[in-house]
């Protein structure tokens, strides 16, 4: 990532990094009702979140417009710790959830994630669209698709487990 530095006439230093965009689309068929799939989505985005290596990664999601999606890291020395990932922009249970915010990025970036659930055949089609804009590193651009793929598989596993269709 190229960095340029300039000083304005007022003596303010400006560091400009290249702005990148990201767009990821994923779909997965789930053998469950829309209600069950939506509950599994909220579980995976919340307390049931698991990393690809199997390590628990509990999050909190407040499922209402403006609700926070965040990592609560507890308290130490009288201070709370955590990481805001985003806010609920749109929620229309059980068919639509949109999140907006920094996601796991602690740098200049904005993200929009949309989950759409549509009845199809004997189940539902879950579609994810993630769009981002910011000073995105190549490591992040390379790793995000794998992370979303894992999350979609987890939602499918949780939903089908709840519906009695799990393997």
C-alpha atoms as a PDB file:
ATOM      1  CA  UNK A   1       0.000   0.000   0.000  1.00  0.00           C
ATOM      2  CA  UNK A   2       1.591   3.246  -1.122  1.00  0.00           C
ATOM      3  CA  UNK A   3       1.714   6.114   1.350  1.00  0.00           C
ATOM      4  CA  UNK A   4       2.205   9.726   0.419  1.00  0.00           C
ATOM      5  CA  UNK A   5       2.841  12.505   2.869  1.00  0.00           C
ATOM      6  CA  UNK A   6       2.190  16.178   2.355  1.00  0.00           C
ATOM      7  CA  UNK A   7       2.133  19.224   4.569  1.00  0.00           C
ATOM      8  CA  UNK A   8      -0.532  21.824   3.977  1.00  0.00           C
ATOM      9  CA  UNK A   9       0.057  25.568   4.226  1.00  0.00           C
ATOM     10  CA  UNK A  10      -1.335  25.425   7.780  1.00  0.00           C
ATOM     11  CA  UNK A  11       1.371  22.970   8.844  1.00  0.00           C
ATOM     12  CA  UNK A  12      -1.066  20.038   9.095  1.00  0.00           C
ATOM     13  CA  UNK A  13       0.536  16.790   8.014  1.00  0.00           C
ATOM     14  CA  UNK A  14      -1.561  14.591   5.709  1.00  0.00           C
ATOM     15  CA  UNK A  15      -0.832  10.902   5.170  1.00  0.00           C
ATOM     16  CA  UNK A  16      -2.865   9.492   2.322  1.00  0.00           C
ATOM     17  CA  UNK A  17      -3.208   5.752   1.814  1.00  0.00           C
ATOM     18  CA  UNK A  18      -4.800   4.216  -1.229  1.00  0.00           C
ATOM     19  CA  UNK A  19      -8.514   3.524  -0.907  1.00  0.00           C
ATOM     20  CA  UNK A  20      -9.679   0.048  -1.948  1.00  0.00           C
ATOM     21  CA  UNK A  21     -13.105  -1.498  -2.389  1.00  0.00           C
ATOM     22  CA  UNK A  22     -14.244  -5.000  -1.566  1.00  0.00           C
ATOM     23  CA  UNK A  23     -17.322  -6.912  -2.659  1.00  0.00           C
ATOM     24  CA  UNK A  24     -18.067 -10.470  -1.571  1.00  0.00           C
ATOM     25  CA  UNK A  25     -21.167 -12.454  -2.488  1.00  0.00           C
ATOM     26  CA  UNK A  26     -21.984 -15.861  -1.038  1.00  0.00           C
ATOM     27  CA  UNK A  27     -25.058 -18.091  -1.149  1.00  0.00           C
ATOM     28  CA  UNK A  28     -25.962 -21.268   0.682  1.00  0.00           C
ATOM     29  CA  UNK A  29     -29.073 -23.464   0.626  1.00  0.00           C
ATOM     30  CA  UNK A  30     -30.382 -24.315   4.088  1.00  0.00           C
ATOM     31  CA  UNK A  31     -32.884 -27.086   4.806  1.00  0.00           C
ATOM     32  CA  UNK A  32     -34.854 -25.163   7.401  1.00  0.00           C
ATOM     33  CA  UNK A  33     -37.606 -22.577   7.648  1.00  0.00           C
ATOM     34  CA  UNK A  34     -36.841 -18.875   7.248  1.00  0.00           C
ATOM     35  CA  UNK A  35     -37.522 -18.388  10.973  1.00  0.00           C
ATOM     36  CA  UNK A  36     -35.032 -21.112  11.928  1.00  0.00           C
ATOM     37  CA  UNK A  37     -32.400 -19.799   9.495  1.00  0.00           C
ATOM     38  CA  UNK A  38     -32.822 -16.249  10.834  1.00  0.00           C
ATOM     39  CA  UNK A  39     -32.449 -17.482  14.433  1.00  0.00           C
ATOM     40  CA  UNK A  40     -29.267 -19.334  13.389  1.00  0.00           C
ATOM     41  CA  UNK A  41     -27.969 -16.157  11.720  1.00  0.00           C
ATOM     42  CA  UNK A  42     -28.452 -14.172  14.941  1.00  0.00           C
ATOM     43  CA  UNK A  43     -26.819 -16.971  16.957  1.00  0.00           C
ATOM     44  CA  UNK A  44     -23.756 -17.084  14.682  1.00  0.00           C
ATOM     45  CA  UNK A  45     -23.441 -13.288  14.717  1.00  0.00           C
ATOM     46  CA  UNK A  46     -23.918 -13.356  18.495  1.00  0.00           C
ATOM     47  CA  UNK A  47     -23.080 -15.726  21.330  1.00  0.00           C
ATOM     48  CA  UNK A  48     -22.614 -18.817  19.133  1.00  0.00           C
ATOM     49  CA  UNK A  49     -19.899 -17.379  16.890  1.00  0.00           C
ATOM     50  CA  UNK A  50     -16.965 -19.727  16.280  1.00  0.00           C
ATOM     51  CA  UNK A  51     -13.659 -19.079  14.491  1.00  0.00           C
ATOM     52  CA  UNK A  52     -12.544 -21.353  11.626  1.00  0.00           C
ATOM     53  CA  UNK A  53     -10.146 -23.126  14.027  1.00  0.00           C
ATOM     54  CA  UNK A  54     -13.095 -24.025  16.311  1.00  0.00           C
ATOM     55  CA  UNK A  55     -12.330 -21.429  18.975  1.00  0.00           C
ATOM     56  CA  UNK A  56     -15.398 -19.703  20.450  1.00  0.00           C
ATOM     57  CA  UNK A  57     -15.654 -16.037  19.426  1.00  0.00           C
ATOM     58  CA  UNK A  58     -18.780 -14.811  21.231  1.00  0.00           C
ATOM     59  CA  UNK A  59     -20.267 -11.552  20.043  1.00  0.00           C
ATOM     60  CA  UNK A  60     -23.361  -9.586  21.016  1.00  0.00           C
ATOM     61  CA  UNK A  61     -26.002  -8.390  18.601  1.00  0.00           C
ATOM     62  CA  UNK A  62     -28.949  -6.214  19.504  1.00  0.00           C
ATOM     63  CA  UNK A  63     -31.576  -7.242  16.911  1.00  0.00           C
ATOM     64  CA  UNK A  64     -33.355  -3.925  16.378  1.00  0.00           C
ATOM     65  CA  UNK A  65     -32.717  -0.859  14.174  1.00  0.00           C
ATOM     66  CA  UNK A  66     -29.663   0.943  15.524  1.00  0.00           C
ATOM     67  CA  UNK A  67     -28.733  -2.033  17.700  1.00  0.00           C
ATOM     68  CA  UNK A  68     -25.043  -2.686  18.237  1.00  0.00           C
ATOM     69  CA  UNK A  69     -23.034  -5.656  16.973  1.00  0.00           C
ATOM     70  CA  UNK A  70     -19.966  -5.866  19.166  1.00  0.00           C
ATOM     71  CA  UNK A  71     -17.400  -7.938  20.988  1.00  0.00           C
ATOM     72  CA  UNK A  72     -17.728  -7.581  24.764  1.00  0.00           C
ATOM     73  CA  UNK A  73     -14.304  -8.241  26.288  1.00  0.00           C
ATOM     74  CA  UNK A  74     -15.406  -7.607  29.856  1.00  0.00           C
ATOM     75  CA  UNK A  75     -13.920  -5.332  32.477  1.00  0.00           C
ATOM     76  CA  UNK A  76     -10.496  -4.905  34.001  1.00  0.00           C
ATOM     77  CA  UNK A  77      -9.406  -2.267  36.479  1.00  0.00           C
ATOM     78  CA  UNK A  78     -12.823  -0.612  36.381  1.00  0.00           C
ATOM     79  CA  UNK A  79     -12.760  -0.144  32.582  1.00  0.00           C
ATOM     80  CA  UNK A  80     -14.881  -1.916  29.985  1.00  0.00           C
ATOM     81  CA  UNK A  81     -13.199  -3.397  26.941  1.00  0.00           C
ATOM     82  CA  UNK A  82     -14.635  -4.293  23.593  1.00  0.00           C
ATOM     83  CA  UNK A  83     -14.771  -3.711  19.866  1.00  0.00           C
ATOM     84  CA  UNK A  84     -17.751  -2.256  17.988  1.00  0.00           C
ATOM     85  CA  UNK A  85     -18.220  -4.129  14.710  1.00  0.00           C
ATOM     86  CA  UNK A  86     -21.319  -2.313  13.529  1.00  0.00           C
ATOM     87  CA  UNK A  87     -24.945  -1.356  13.920  1.00  0.00           C
ATOM     88  CA  UNK A  88     -28.148  -2.906  12.640  1.00  0.00           C
ATOM     89  CA  UNK A  89     -29.233  -0.743   9.739  1.00  0.00           C
ATOM     90  CA  UNK A  90     -32.245  -2.819   8.648  1.00  0.00           C
ATOM     91  CA  UNK A  91     -33.954  -5.787  10.272  1.00  0.00           C
ATOM     92  CA  UNK A  92     -37.030  -7.465   8.781  1.00  0.00           C
ATOM     93  CA  UNK A  93     -37.130 -10.827  10.516  1.00  0.00           C
ATOM     94  CA  UNK A  94     -37.028 -13.470   9.163  1.00  0.00           C
ATOM     95  CA  UNK A  95     -35.959 -12.300   5.706  1.00  0.00           C
ATOM     96  CA  UNK A  96     -33.455  -9.433   5.938  1.00  0.00           C
ATOM     97  CA  UNK A  97     -30.635  -8.176   8.142  1.00  0.00           C
ATOM     98  CA  UNK A  98     -28.285  -5.343   7.173  1.00  0.00           C
ATOM     99  CA  UNK A  99     -25.288  -4.267   9.231  1.00  0.00           C
ATOM    100  CA  UNK A 100     -23.108  -1.203   8.746  1.00  0.00           C
ATOM    101  CA  UNK A 101     -19.890  -0.209  10.486  1.00  0.00           C
ATOM    102  CA  UNK A 102     -16.176  -0.904  10.845  1.00  0.00           C
ATOM    103  CA  UNK A 103     -16.628  -4.705  11.237  1.00  0.00           C
ATOM    104  CA  UNK A 104     -13.285  -6.230  12.320  1.00  0.00           C
ATOM    105  CA  UNK A 105     -11.346  -3.298  10.858  1.00  0.00           C
ATOM    106  CA  UNK A 106      -9.532  -0.901  13.174  1.00  0.00           C
ATOM    107  CA  UNK A 107      -8.605   1.572  10.467  1.00  0.00           C
ATOM    108  CA  UNK A 108     -10.336   3.916   8.043  1.00  0.00           C
ATOM    109  CA  UNK A 109     -13.060   1.730   6.511  1.00  0.00           C
ATOM    110  CA  UNK A 110     -16.821   1.448   6.217  1.00  0.00           C
ATOM    111  CA  UNK A 111     -18.667  -1.797   5.608  1.00  0.00           C
ATOM    112  CA  UNK A 112     -22.183  -2.829   4.655  1.00  0.00           C
ATOM    113  CA  UNK A 113     -23.256  -6.450   5.075  1.00  0.00           C
ATOM    114  CA  UNK A 114     -26.613  -7.715   3.888  1.00  0.00           C
ATOM    115  CA  UNK A 115     -28.093 -11.127   4.710  1.00  0.00           C
ATOM    116  CA  UNK A 116     -31.215 -12.048   2.738  1.00  0.00           C
ATOM    117  CA  UNK A 117     -33.267 -15.209   3.358  1.00  0.00           C
ATOM    118  CA  UNK A 118     -35.667 -16.389   0.639  1.00  0.00           C
ATOM    119  CA  UNK A 119     -37.816 -19.527   0.679  1.00  0.00           C
ATOM    120  CA  UNK A 120     -36.714 -21.907  -2.068  1.00  0.00           C
ATOM    121  CA  UNK A 121     -37.706 -25.537  -2.547  1.00  0.00           C
ATOM    122  CA  UNK A 122     -37.679 -27.398   0.779  1.00  0.00           C
ATOM    123  CA  UNK A 123     -35.707 -24.726   2.567  1.00  0.00           C
ATOM    124  CA  UNK A 124     -34.283 -21.261   2.137  1.00  0.00           C
ATOM    125  CA  UNK A 125     -31.539 -19.579   0.186  1.00  0.00           C
ATOM    126  CA  UNK A 126     -29.287 -17.446   2.407  1.00  0.00           C
ATOM    127  CA  UNK A 127     -27.456 -14.732   0.455  1.00  0.00           C
ATOM    128  CA  UNK A 128     -24.670 -12.588   1.877  1.00  0.00           C
ATOM    129  CA  UNK A 129     -23.353  -9.410   0.222  1.00  0.00           C
ATOM    130  CA  UNK A 130     -20.462  -7.589   1.899  1.00  0.00           C
ATOM    131  CA  UNK A 131     -19.242  -4.290   0.471  1.00  0.00           C
ATOM    132  CA  UNK A 132     -16.394  -2.290   1.972  1.00  0.00           C
ATOM    133  CA  UNK A 133     -14.502   0.894   1.219  1.00  0.00           C
ATOM    134  CA  UNK A 134     -11.337   2.047   2.927  1.00  0.00           C
ATOM    135  CA  UNK A 135      -7.623   1.590   3.457  1.00  0.00           C
ATOM    136  CA  UNK A 136      -7.998  -2.174   3.118  1.00  0.00           C
ATOM    137  CA  UNK A 137      -4.805  -4.228   3.296  1.00  0.00           C
ATOM    138  CA  UNK A 138      -4.061  -7.044   0.883  1.00  0.00           C
ATOM    139  CA  UNK A 139      -4.121  -9.548   3.766  1.00  0.00           C
ATOM    140  CA  UNK A 140      -7.649  -8.469   4.607  1.00  0.00           C
ATOM    141  CA  UNK A 141      -8.758  -8.553   0.965  1.00  0.00           C
ATOM    142  CA  UNK A 142      -7.344 -12.086   0.676  1.00  0.00           C
ATOM    143  CA  UNK A 143      -8.751 -13.386   3.983  1.00  0.00           C
ATOM    144  CA  UNK A 144     -12.288 -11.966   4.056  1.00  0.00           C
ATOM    145  CA  UNK A 145     -13.832 -14.375   1.524  1.00  0.00           C
ATOM    146  CA  UNK A 146     -12.674 -17.369   3.591  1.00  0.00           C
ATOM    147  CA  UNK A 147     -14.067 -15.838   6.772  1.00  0.00           C
ATOM    148  CA  UNK A 148     -17.493 -15.239   5.235  1.00  0.00           C
ATOM    149  CA  UNK A 149     -17.501 -18.743   3.745  1.00  0.00           C
ATOM    150  CA  UNK A 150     -16.909 -20.152   7.226  1.00  0.00           C
ATOM    151  CA  UNK A 151     -19.700 -17.997   8.687  1.00  0.00           C
ATOM    152  CA  UNK A 152     -22.189 -19.110   6.031  1.00  0.00           C
ATOM    153  CA  UNK A 153     -21.353 -22.776   6.682  1.00  0.00           C
ATOM    154  CA  UNK A 154     -21.833 -22.211  10.426  1.00  0.00           C
ATOM    155  CA  UNK A 155     -25.252 -20.616   9.897  1.00  0.00           C
ATOM    156  CA  UNK A 156     -26.261 -23.597   7.733  1.00  0.00           C
ATOM    157  CA  UNK A 157     -25.000 -26.085  10.372  1.00  0.00           C
ATOM    158  CA  UNK A 158     -26.782 -24.314  13.219  1.00  0.00           C
ATOM    159  CA  UNK A 159     -30.057 -23.913  11.290  1.00  0.00           C
ATOM    160  CA  UNK A 160     -30.138 -27.469  10.005  1.00  0.00           C
ATOM    161  CA  UNK A 161     -29.231 -28.739  13.470  1.00  0.00           C
ATOM    162  CA  UNK A 162     -32.189 -26.842  14.932  1.00  0.00           C
ATOM    163  CA  UNK A 163     -34.427 -28.186  12.135  1.00  0.00           C
ATOM    164  CA  UNK A 164     -33.234 -31.769  12.715  1.00  0.00           C
ATOM    165  CA  UNK A 165     -31.502 -31.885   9.307  1.00  0.00           C
ATOM    166  CA  UNK A 166     -27.893 -31.659  10.565  1.00  0.00           C
ATOM    167  CA  UNK A 167     -25.378 -34.320   9.648  1.00  0.00           C
END
